Protein backbone atom coordinates (compact mmCIF):
# COMPACT_ATOMS: atom_id res chain seq x y z
CA UNK A 1 0.00 0.00 0.00
CA UNK A 2 2.84 2.37 0.81
CA UNK A 3 4.33 2.21 -2.70
CA UNK A 4 0.89 2.79 -4.28
CA UNK A 5 0.36 5.92 -2.16
CA UNK A 6 3.89 7.12 -2.94
CA UNK A 7 3.29 6.47 -6.62
CA UNK A 8 0.08 8.53 -6.55
CA UNK A 9 2.08 11.42 -5.07
CA UNK A 10 4.75 11.06 -7.77
CA UNK A 11 2.11 10.88 -10.50
CA UNK A 12 0.66 14.24 -9.44
CA UNK A 13 4.14 15.80 -9.53
CA UNK A 14 4.96 14.13 -12.86
CA UNK A 15 1.75 15.31 -14.43
CA UNK A 16 2.36 18.91 -13.33
CA UNK A 17 5.94 18.81 -14.64
CA UNK A 18 4.95 17.13 -17.91
CA UNK A 19 7.17 14.11 -17.39
CA UNK A 20 4.77 12.10 -19.58
CA UNK A 21 1.78 12.67 -21.77
CA UNK A 22 -1.36 10.63 -22.30
CA UNK A 23 -2.76 10.75 -25.82
CA UNK A 24 -6.47 10.81 -25.04
CA UNK A 25 -8.08 14.15 -24.22
CA UNK A 26 -9.26 15.61 -21.92
CA UNK A 27 -6.63 14.68 -19.35
CA UNK A 28 -8.19 12.57 -16.65
CA UNK A 29 -6.28 11.63 -13.54
CA UNK A 30 -8.69 8.79 -12.75
CA UNK A 31 -8.74 7.32 -16.25
CA UNK A 32 -5.14 7.98 -17.33
CA UNK A 33 -2.81 8.22 -14.35
CA UNK A 34 -4.51 6.24 -11.58
CA UNK A 35 -4.47 2.87 -13.39
CA UNK A 36 -0.70 3.16 -13.88
CA UNK A 37 -0.16 4.24 -10.27
CA UNK A 38 -2.06 1.49 -8.50
CA UNK A 39 -2.47 -1.06 -11.27
CA UNK A 40 0.98 -2.43 -11.96
CA UNK A 41 3.05 -0.99 -9.12
CA UNK A 42 1.29 -2.45 -6.12
CA UNK A 43 1.02 -6.09 -7.26
CA UNK A 44 4.44 -6.14 -8.91
CA UNK A 45 6.05 -4.61 -5.81
CA UNK A 46 4.38 -7.16 -3.56
CA UNK A 47 5.37 -10.00 -5.87
CA UNK A 48 9.02 -8.88 -6.04
CA UNK A 49 9.19 -8.49 -2.25
CA UNK A 50 7.76 -11.98 -1.75
CA UNK A 51 10.01 -13.52 -4.39
CA UNK A 52 13.17 -12.01 -2.89
CA UNK A 53 12.24 -11.97 0.81
CA UNK A 54 15.32 -11.30 2.95
CA UNK A 55 17.68 -10.95 -0.01
CA UNK A 56 18.23 -7.29 -0.89
CA UNK A 57 20.56 -8.08 -3.80
CA UNK A 58 17.98 -10.35 -5.41
CA UNK A 59 15.30 -7.70 -4.83
CA UNK A 60 17.40 -5.01 -6.54
CA UNK A 61 18.27 -7.25 -9.50
CA UNK A 62 14.60 -8.17 -9.99
CA UNK A 63 13.69 -4.48 -9.84
CA UNK A 64 16.36 -3.60 -12.39
CA UNK A 65 14.87 -6.20 -14.73
CA UNK A 66 11.24 -5.15 -14.17
CA UNK A 67 11.97 -1.42 -14.33
CA UNK A 68 14.11 -1.84 -17.46
CA UNK A 69 11.33 -3.76 -19.18
CA UNK A 70 8.85 -1.00 -18.42
CA UNK A 71 11.17 1.94 -19.10
CA UNK A 72 12.46 0.75 -22.45
CA UNK A 73 10.24 -1.67 -24.42
CA UNK A 74 7.21 -0.86 -22.26
CA UNK A 75 7.30 2.86 -22.97
CA UNK A 76 7.90 2.14 -26.65
CA UNK A 77 4.81 -0.12 -26.70
CA UNK A 78 2.67 2.50 -24.94
CA UNK A 79 3.81 5.05 -27.52
CA UNK A 80 3.14 2.71 -30.44
CA UNK A 81 -0.42 1.93 -29.33
CA UNK A 82 -0.96 5.62 -28.53
CA UNK A 83 -1.68 5.38 -24.81
CA UNK A 84 1.17 7.41 -23.32
CA UNK A 85 4.70 8.60 -23.94
CA UNK A 86 7.47 10.33 -22.06
CA UNK A 87 7.53 14.09 -22.54
CA UNK A 88 10.26 15.81 -20.53
CA UNK A 89 11.98 12.65 -19.26
CA UNK A 90 14.34 10.45 -21.23
CA UNK A 91 13.93 6.69 -20.93
CA UNK A 92 17.01 6.43 -18.72
CA UNK A 93 15.65 9.15 -16.43
CA UNK A 94 12.36 7.27 -16.35
CA UNK A 95 14.22 4.07 -15.42
CA UNK A 96 15.85 5.83 -12.46
CA UNK A 97 12.47 7.35 -11.53
CA UNK A 98 11.13 3.79 -11.32
CA UNK A 99 14.21 2.19 -9.76
CA UNK A 100 14.80 4.61 -6.89
CA UNK A 101 11.47 3.54 -5.40
CA UNK A 102 12.86 0.02 -4.89
CA UNK A 103 15.17 1.37 -2.17
CA UNK A 104 12.31 3.19 -0.48
CA UNK A 105 10.05 0.15 -0.65
CA UNK A 106 12.69 -2.23 0.69
CA UNK A 107 13.52 0.16 3.53
CA UNK A 108 9.87 0.52 4.54
CA UNK A 109 9.34 -3.24 4.36
CA UNK A 110 12.48 -3.83 6.41
CA UNK A 111 11.19 -1.49 9.13
CA UNK A 112 7.75 -3.14 9.10
CA UNK A 113 9.34 -6.58 9.51
CA UNK A 114 11.57 -5.37 12.36
CA UNK A 115 8.59 -3.86 14.20
CA UNK A 116 6.57 -7.03 13.64
CA UNK A 117 9.39 -9.27 14.86
CA UNK A 118 9.96 -7.05 17.93
CA UNK A 119 6.27 -7.34 18.87
CA UNK A 120 6.34 -11.12 18.46
CA UNK A 121 9.41 -11.40 20.72
CA UNK A 122 7.72 -9.24 23.36
CA UNK A 123 4.67 -11.52 23.46
C-alpha atoms as a PDB file:
ATOM      1  CA  UNK A   1       0.000   0.000   0.000  1.00  0.00           C
ATOM      2  CA  UNK A   2       2.843   2.370   0.807  1.00  0.00           C
ATOM      3  CA  UNK A   3       4.326   2.206  -2.701  1.00  0.00           C
ATOM      4  CA  UNK A   4       0.895   2.794  -4.278  1.00  0.00           C
ATOM      5  CA  UNK A   5       0.361   5.919  -2.160  1.00  0.00           C
ATOM      6  CA  UNK A   6       3.889   7.119  -2.937  1.00  0.00           C
ATOM      7  CA  UNK A   7       3.292   6.474  -6.619  1.00  0.00           C
ATOM      8  CA  UNK A   8       0.084   8.533  -6.548  1.00  0.00           C
ATOM      9  CA  UNK A   9       2.079  11.425  -5.073  1.00  0.00           C
ATOM     10  CA  UNK A  10       4.749  11.057  -7.772  1.00  0.00           C
ATOM     11  CA  UNK A  11       2.108  10.879 -10.495  1.00  0.00           C
ATOM     12  CA  UNK A  12       0.662  14.240  -9.435  1.00  0.00           C
ATOM     13  CA  UNK A  13       4.138  15.796  -9.534  1.00  0.00           C
ATOM     14  CA  UNK A  14       4.957  14.133 -12.856  1.00  0.00           C
ATOM     15  CA  UNK A  15       1.748  15.306 -14.434  1.00  0.00           C
ATOM     16  CA  UNK A  16       2.357  18.913 -13.334  1.00  0.00           C
ATOM     17  CA  UNK A  17       5.944  18.813 -14.637  1.00  0.00           C
ATOM     18  CA  UNK A  18       4.953  17.130 -17.914  1.00  0.00           C
ATOM     19  CA  UNK A  19       7.167  14.107 -17.389  1.00  0.00           C
ATOM     20  CA  UNK A  20       4.775  12.102 -19.576  1.00  0.00           C
ATOM     21  CA  UNK A  21       1.782  12.671 -21.768  1.00  0.00           C
ATOM     22  CA  UNK A  22      -1.363  10.630 -22.303  1.00  0.00           C
ATOM     23  CA  UNK A  23      -2.756  10.747 -25.817  1.00  0.00           C
ATOM     24  CA  UNK A  24      -6.469  10.814 -25.039  1.00  0.00           C
ATOM     25  CA  UNK A  25      -8.076  14.155 -24.225  1.00  0.00           C
ATOM     26  CA  UNK A  26      -9.259  15.615 -21.916  1.00  0.00           C
ATOM     27  CA  UNK A  27      -6.630  14.682 -19.352  1.00  0.00           C
ATOM     28  CA  UNK A  28      -8.194  12.572 -16.649  1.00  0.00           C
ATOM     29  CA  UNK A  29      -6.282  11.631 -13.535  1.00  0.00           C
ATOM     30  CA  UNK A  30      -8.692   8.789 -12.747  1.00  0.00           C
ATOM     31  CA  UNK A  31      -8.736   7.315 -16.253  1.00  0.00           C
ATOM     32  CA  UNK A  32      -5.142   7.982 -17.328  1.00  0.00           C
ATOM     33  CA  UNK A  33      -2.815   8.217 -14.351  1.00  0.00           C
ATOM     34  CA  UNK A  34      -4.508   6.243 -11.576  1.00  0.00           C
ATOM     35  CA  UNK A  35      -4.472   2.872 -13.386  1.00  0.00           C
ATOM     36  CA  UNK A  36      -0.704   3.164 -13.878  1.00  0.00           C
ATOM     37  CA  UNK A  37      -0.163   4.236 -10.270  1.00  0.00           C
ATOM     38  CA  UNK A  38      -2.060   1.485  -8.500  1.00  0.00           C
ATOM     39  CA  UNK A  39      -2.469  -1.062 -11.269  1.00  0.00           C
ATOM     40  CA  UNK A  40       0.982  -2.434 -11.961  1.00  0.00           C
ATOM     41  CA  UNK A  41       3.051  -0.989  -9.118  1.00  0.00           C
ATOM     42  CA  UNK A  42       1.293  -2.448  -6.121  1.00  0.00           C
ATOM     43  CA  UNK A  43       1.017  -6.092  -7.259  1.00  0.00           C
ATOM     44  CA  UNK A  44       4.441  -6.137  -8.908  1.00  0.00           C
ATOM     45  CA  UNK A  45       6.047  -4.606  -5.813  1.00  0.00           C
ATOM     46  CA  UNK A  46       4.379  -7.162  -3.563  1.00  0.00           C
ATOM     47  CA  UNK A  47       5.366 -10.001  -5.874  1.00  0.00           C
ATOM     48  CA  UNK A  48       9.023  -8.879  -6.037  1.00  0.00           C
ATOM     49  CA  UNK A  49       9.188  -8.490  -2.253  1.00  0.00           C
ATOM     50  CA  UNK A  50       7.765 -11.979  -1.748  1.00  0.00           C
ATOM     51  CA  UNK A  51      10.014 -13.523  -4.392  1.00  0.00           C
ATOM     52  CA  UNK A  52      13.168 -12.009  -2.893  1.00  0.00           C
ATOM     53  CA  UNK A  53      12.237 -11.972   0.805  1.00  0.00           C
ATOM     54  CA  UNK A  54      15.318 -11.301   2.948  1.00  0.00           C
ATOM     55  CA  UNK A  55      17.680 -10.947  -0.014  1.00  0.00           C
ATOM     56  CA  UNK A  56      18.234  -7.295  -0.892  1.00  0.00           C
ATOM     57  CA  UNK A  57      20.562  -8.085  -3.803  1.00  0.00           C
ATOM     58  CA  UNK A  58      17.978 -10.346  -5.407  1.00  0.00           C
ATOM     59  CA  UNK A  59      15.301  -7.700  -4.829  1.00  0.00           C
ATOM     60  CA  UNK A  60      17.398  -5.014  -6.536  1.00  0.00           C
ATOM     61  CA  UNK A  61      18.268  -7.251  -9.495  1.00  0.00           C
ATOM     62  CA  UNK A  62      14.602  -8.166  -9.990  1.00  0.00           C
ATOM     63  CA  UNK A  63      13.688  -4.483  -9.837  1.00  0.00           C
ATOM     64  CA  UNK A  64      16.356  -3.604 -12.393  1.00  0.00           C
ATOM     65  CA  UNK A  65      14.871  -6.205 -14.733  1.00  0.00           C
ATOM     66  CA  UNK A  66      11.244  -5.151 -14.174  1.00  0.00           C
ATOM     67  CA  UNK A  67      11.970  -1.425 -14.333  1.00  0.00           C
ATOM     68  CA  UNK A  68      14.109  -1.840 -17.459  1.00  0.00           C
ATOM     69  CA  UNK A  69      11.333  -3.763 -19.184  1.00  0.00           C
ATOM     70  CA  UNK A  70       8.852  -1.005 -18.421  1.00  0.00           C
ATOM     71  CA  UNK A  71      11.174   1.943 -19.097  1.00  0.00           C
ATOM     72  CA  UNK A  72      12.458   0.753 -22.450  1.00  0.00           C
ATOM     73  CA  UNK A  73      10.242  -1.674 -24.419  1.00  0.00           C
ATOM     74  CA  UNK A  74       7.208  -0.859 -22.256  1.00  0.00           C
ATOM     75  CA  UNK A  75       7.300   2.863 -22.969  1.00  0.00           C
ATOM     76  CA  UNK A  76       7.900   2.138 -26.654  1.00  0.00           C
ATOM     77  CA  UNK A  77       4.813  -0.117 -26.698  1.00  0.00           C
ATOM     78  CA  UNK A  78       2.674   2.502 -24.944  1.00  0.00           C
ATOM     79  CA  UNK A  79       3.806   5.054 -27.522  1.00  0.00           C
ATOM     80  CA  UNK A  80       3.145   2.711 -30.438  1.00  0.00           C
ATOM     81  CA  UNK A  81      -0.424   1.926 -29.332  1.00  0.00           C
ATOM     82  CA  UNK A  82      -0.956   5.621 -28.529  1.00  0.00           C
ATOM     83  CA  UNK A  83      -1.680   5.380 -24.814  1.00  0.00           C
ATOM     84  CA  UNK A  84       1.170   7.407 -23.323  1.00  0.00           C
ATOM     85  CA  UNK A  85       4.699   8.602 -23.937  1.00  0.00           C
ATOM     86  CA  UNK A  86       7.473  10.332 -22.058  1.00  0.00           C
ATOM     87  CA  UNK A  87       7.529  14.088 -22.536  1.00  0.00           C
ATOM     88  CA  UNK A  88      10.258  15.813 -20.532  1.00  0.00           C
ATOM     89  CA  UNK A  89      11.976  12.646 -19.261  1.00  0.00           C
ATOM     90  CA  UNK A  90      14.343  10.450 -21.232  1.00  0.00           C
ATOM     91  CA  UNK A  91      13.935   6.694 -20.931  1.00  0.00           C
ATOM     92  CA  UNK A  92      17.010   6.426 -18.723  1.00  0.00           C
ATOM     93  CA  UNK A  93      15.653   9.154 -16.429  1.00  0.00           C
ATOM     94  CA  UNK A  94      12.359   7.272 -16.346  1.00  0.00           C
ATOM     95  CA  UNK A  95      14.222   4.069 -15.421  1.00  0.00           C
ATOM     96  CA  UNK A  96      15.849   5.828 -12.462  1.00  0.00           C
ATOM     97  CA  UNK A  97      12.475   7.346 -11.527  1.00  0.00           C
ATOM     98  CA  UNK A  98      11.130   3.791 -11.322  1.00  0.00           C
ATOM     99  CA  UNK A  99      14.210   2.185  -9.764  1.00  0.00           C
ATOM    100  CA  UNK A 100      14.803   4.613  -6.889  1.00  0.00           C
ATOM    101  CA  UNK A 101      11.469   3.537  -5.399  1.00  0.00           C
ATOM    102  CA  UNK A 102      12.864   0.021  -4.894  1.00  0.00           C
ATOM    103  CA  UNK A 103      15.175   1.365  -2.174  1.00  0.00           C
ATOM    104  CA  UNK A 104      12.309   3.189  -0.485  1.00  0.00           C
ATOM    105  CA  UNK A 105      10.048   0.151  -0.653  1.00  0.00           C
ATOM    106  CA  UNK A 106      12.690  -2.226   0.690  1.00  0.00           C
ATOM    107  CA  UNK A 107      13.520   0.165   3.530  1.00  0.00           C
ATOM    108  CA  UNK A 108       9.871   0.518   4.536  1.00  0.00           C
ATOM    109  CA  UNK A 109       9.335  -3.243   4.361  1.00  0.00           C
ATOM    110  CA  UNK A 110      12.479  -3.827   6.408  1.00  0.00           C
ATOM    111  CA  UNK A 111      11.189  -1.487   9.127  1.00  0.00           C
ATOM    112  CA  UNK A 112       7.748  -3.135   9.104  1.00  0.00           C
ATOM    113  CA  UNK A 113       9.337  -6.577   9.506  1.00  0.00           C
ATOM    114  CA  UNK A 114      11.567  -5.369  12.358  1.00  0.00           C
ATOM    115  CA  UNK A 115       8.590  -3.863  14.200  1.00  0.00           C
ATOM    116  CA  UNK A 116       6.565  -7.026  13.642  1.00  0.00           C
ATOM    117  CA  UNK A 117       9.391  -9.266  14.864  1.00  0.00           C
ATOM    118  CA  UNK A 118       9.956  -7.049  17.932  1.00  0.00           C
ATOM    119  CA  UNK A 119       6.275  -7.337  18.874  1.00  0.00           C
ATOM    120  CA  UNK A 120       6.344 -11.116  18.455  1.00  0.00           C
ATOM    121  CA  UNK A 121       9.409 -11.399  20.717  1.00  0.00           C
ATOM    122  CA  UNK A 122       7.719  -9.242  23.363  1.00  0.00           C
ATOM    123  CA  UNK A 123       4.668 -11.518  23.460  1.00  0.00           C
END
